[in-house]
Amino acid sequence: MKSSNSIIAVAAVQFLGRLAILLLPAVLSTDEIHFHSWYPATYQPKSAAYYVLFAALPISLSLFGIITSIGLVRVREWARRVTLYFATIPALLCVLWLILHHLRAVGDALLVIGDLSNALAAYLLVILAPTSLWWWILFTRKSVRSQFREGSSPSLQA
């Protein structure tokens, strides 16, 4: 079954977004390599948790998102479900961060340099909320769900 234009648009947004997320580990690893080659005597590698959080996790999730976007184009039910998880979990994490994280007040300063996490979470939420809403409306429609169920049936895959 051929996927609709709206499904292809979601797949393209997801694919490009996951490619953009891959830039973070690429930049960090490039910096690590440069620091190691420029200052070999004083270079201290980061902790393992740093590499897991800023390299392994983004790379893994990005590759999974790229595979999911291909699954959307191929109209696979598992890709529809994973996309709904991708639409929900990051936005929910931003909301929870904004609710639970409290800014540190320093004198009369409104914003403390170095504590931009709330601003980043709010900025991400502004981007993620409409995108998540779009994906939920699209992928929970009966006509779209039926496309994915038909596309995932074993008789059509042979």
Protein backbone atom coordinates (compact mmCIF):
# COMPACT_ATOMS: atom_id res chain seq x y z
CA MET A 1 0.00 0.00 0.00
CA LYS A 2 1.23 3.48 -0.87
CA SER A 3 1.58 5.88 2.03
CA SER A 4 -0.28 9.20 1.95
CA ASN A 5 1.41 12.58 1.61
CA SER A 6 0.79 13.40 5.28
CA ILE A 7 2.51 10.18 6.39
CA ILE A 8 5.44 10.95 4.08
CA ALA A 9 5.61 14.46 5.58
CA VAL A 10 5.80 13.02 9.11
CA ALA A 11 8.45 10.55 8.00
CA ALA A 12 10.48 13.38 6.44
CA VAL A 13 10.22 15.55 9.57
CA GLN A 14 11.18 12.59 11.74
CA PHE A 15 14.09 11.63 9.47
CA LEU A 16 15.49 15.17 9.28
CA GLY A 17 14.97 15.73 13.01
CA ARG A 18 16.88 12.56 13.84
CA LEU A 19 19.69 13.58 11.50
CA ALA A 20 19.86 16.93 13.32
CA ILE A 21 20.10 15.14 16.68
CA LEU A 22 23.08 13.21 15.33
CA LEU A 23 24.97 16.53 15.12
CA LEU A 24 25.37 16.69 18.92
CA PRO A 25 27.49 13.54 19.27
CA ALA A 26 29.40 14.44 16.09
CA VAL A 27 30.36 17.87 17.43
CA LEU A 28 31.23 16.51 20.87
CA SER A 29 33.37 13.71 19.51
CA THR A 30 35.15 16.11 17.13
CA ASP A 31 35.94 18.38 20.08
CA GLU A 32 37.19 15.43 22.12
CA ILE A 33 39.49 14.32 19.30
CA HIS A 34 40.83 17.86 18.84
CA PHE A 35 41.47 18.34 22.56
CA HIS A 36 43.24 15.00 22.72
CA SER A 37 45.47 15.78 19.73
CA TRP A 38 46.18 19.43 20.66
CA TYR A 39 46.81 18.92 24.39
CA PRO A 40 47.87 15.28 24.86
CA ALA A 41 49.72 15.91 28.12
CA THR A 42 46.82 17.63 29.90
CA TYR A 43 43.85 15.96 28.23
CA GLN A 44 41.47 14.24 30.63
CA PRO A 45 38.70 12.12 29.11
CA LYS A 46 35.16 12.65 30.35
CA SER A 47 33.37 10.10 32.52
CA ALA A 48 31.61 7.09 31.00
CA ALA A 49 28.22 8.58 31.95
CA TYR A 50 29.03 11.64 29.83
CA TYR A 51 29.71 9.49 26.77
CA VAL A 52 26.58 7.41 27.32
CA LEU A 53 24.35 10.48 27.80
CA PHE A 54 25.79 12.68 25.05
CA ALA A 55 26.97 10.12 22.50
CA ALA A 56 25.51 6.62 22.80
CA LEU A 57 21.95 7.62 23.71
CA PRO A 58 21.48 10.27 20.98
CA ILE A 59 23.07 8.02 18.35
CA SER A 60 20.89 5.05 19.33
CA LEU A 61 17.66 7.04 19.45
CA SER A 62 18.48 8.81 16.19
CA LEU A 63 19.18 5.58 14.35
CA PHE A 64 15.98 4.09 15.77
CA GLY A 65 14.08 7.20 14.60
CA ILE A 66 15.57 6.93 11.11
CA ILE A 67 14.54 3.27 10.91
CA THR A 68 11.07 4.25 12.15
CA SER A 69 10.72 6.93 9.48
CA ILE A 70 11.52 4.31 6.84
CA GLY A 71 8.90 2.07 8.46
CA LEU A 72 6.36 4.89 8.16
CA VAL A 73 6.99 5.22 4.43
CA ARG A 74 6.59 1.44 4.13
CA VAL A 75 3.31 1.71 6.15
CA ARG A 76 4.31 -0.55 9.07
CA GLU A 77 2.10 -0.65 12.18
CA TRP A 78 5.08 -0.81 14.55
CA ALA A 79 6.42 2.43 13.01
CA ARG A 80 3.08 4.18 13.64
CA ARG A 81 3.15 3.14 17.30
CA VAL A 82 6.80 4.10 17.81
CA THR A 83 6.11 7.49 16.21
CA LEU A 84 3.33 8.07 18.73
CA TYR A 85 5.83 7.28 21.51
CA PHE A 86 8.34 9.66 19.90
CA ALA A 87 5.59 12.31 19.82
CA THR A 88 4.66 11.87 23.48
CA ILE A 89 7.74 11.14 25.57
CA PRO A 90 9.95 14.18 24.72
CA ALA A 91 7.08 16.64 25.19
CA LEU A 92 6.11 14.98 28.46
CA LEU A 93 9.71 15.16 29.70
CA CYS A 94 9.84 18.89 28.89
CA VAL A 95 6.60 19.51 30.80
CA LEU A 96 7.82 17.51 33.78
CA TRP A 97 11.13 19.38 33.76
CA LEU A 98 9.36 22.74 33.75
CA ILE A 99 7.12 21.65 36.62
CA LEU A 100 9.74 20.00 38.81
CA HIS A 101 12.91 22.04 38.16
CA HIS A 102 13.15 25.27 40.10
CA LEU A 103 15.41 28.09 39.03
CA ARG A 104 18.14 29.24 41.39
CA ALA A 105 17.74 32.84 42.41
CA VAL A 106 20.89 34.91 42.77
CA GLY A 107 20.11 38.29 44.24
CA ASP A 108 17.82 40.22 41.95
CA ALA A 109 18.91 38.37 38.81
CA LEU A 110 16.03 37.05 36.74
CA LEU A 111 18.20 34.59 34.85
CA VAL A 112 21.29 32.89 36.14
CA ILE A 113 23.96 32.27 33.50
CA GLY A 114 24.54 28.55 33.26
CA ASP A 115 20.98 27.65 34.22
CA LEU A 116 19.34 27.87 30.85
CA SER A 117 17.71 24.46 31.19
CA ASN A 118 14.22 25.88 31.78
CA ALA A 119 14.54 28.17 28.78
CA LEU A 120 15.72 25.23 26.66
CA ALA A 121 12.86 23.02 27.91
CA ALA A 122 10.32 25.75 27.18
CA TYR A 123 11.78 26.33 23.71
CA LEU A 124 11.68 22.60 22.96
CA LEU A 125 8.10 22.41 24.23
CA VAL A 126 7.06 25.21 21.87
CA ILE A 127 8.39 23.10 19.00
CA LEU A 128 7.34 19.67 20.29
CA ALA A 129 3.76 20.44 21.40
CA PRO A 130 2.31 21.29 17.96
CA THR A 131 4.34 18.55 16.31
CA SER A 132 3.13 15.99 18.82
CA LEU A 133 -0.43 17.15 18.45
CA TRP A 134 -0.18 16.88 14.64
CA TRP A 135 1.23 13.36 14.84
CA TRP A 136 -1.39 12.21 17.37
CA ILE A 137 -4.26 13.60 15.29
CA LEU A 138 -2.88 12.04 12.12
CA PHE A 139 -1.92 8.60 13.42
CA THR A 140 -5.03 8.00 15.53
CA ARG A 141 -7.48 8.70 12.72
CA LYS A 142 -9.42 5.61 11.74
CA SER A 143 -8.51 5.89 8.04
CA VAL A 144 -4.79 6.16 8.79
CA ARG A 145 -4.86 3.31 11.32
CA SER A 146 -6.55 1.10 8.75
CA GLN A 147 -3.81 1.89 6.20
CA PHE A 148 -1.19 0.69 8.65
CA ARG A 149 -3.12 -2.44 9.56
CA GLU A 150 -3.50 -3.31 5.89
CA GLY A 151 0.16 -2.51 5.21
CA SER A 152 1.32 -4.74 8.05
CA SER A 153 -0.71 -7.83 7.17
CA PRO A 154 1.46 -10.89 6.42
CA SER A 155 -0.31 -11.63 3.12
CA LEU A 156 0.81 -8.30 1.63
CA GLN A 157 4.42 -8.63 2.76
CA ALA A 158 5.09 -11.83 0.80
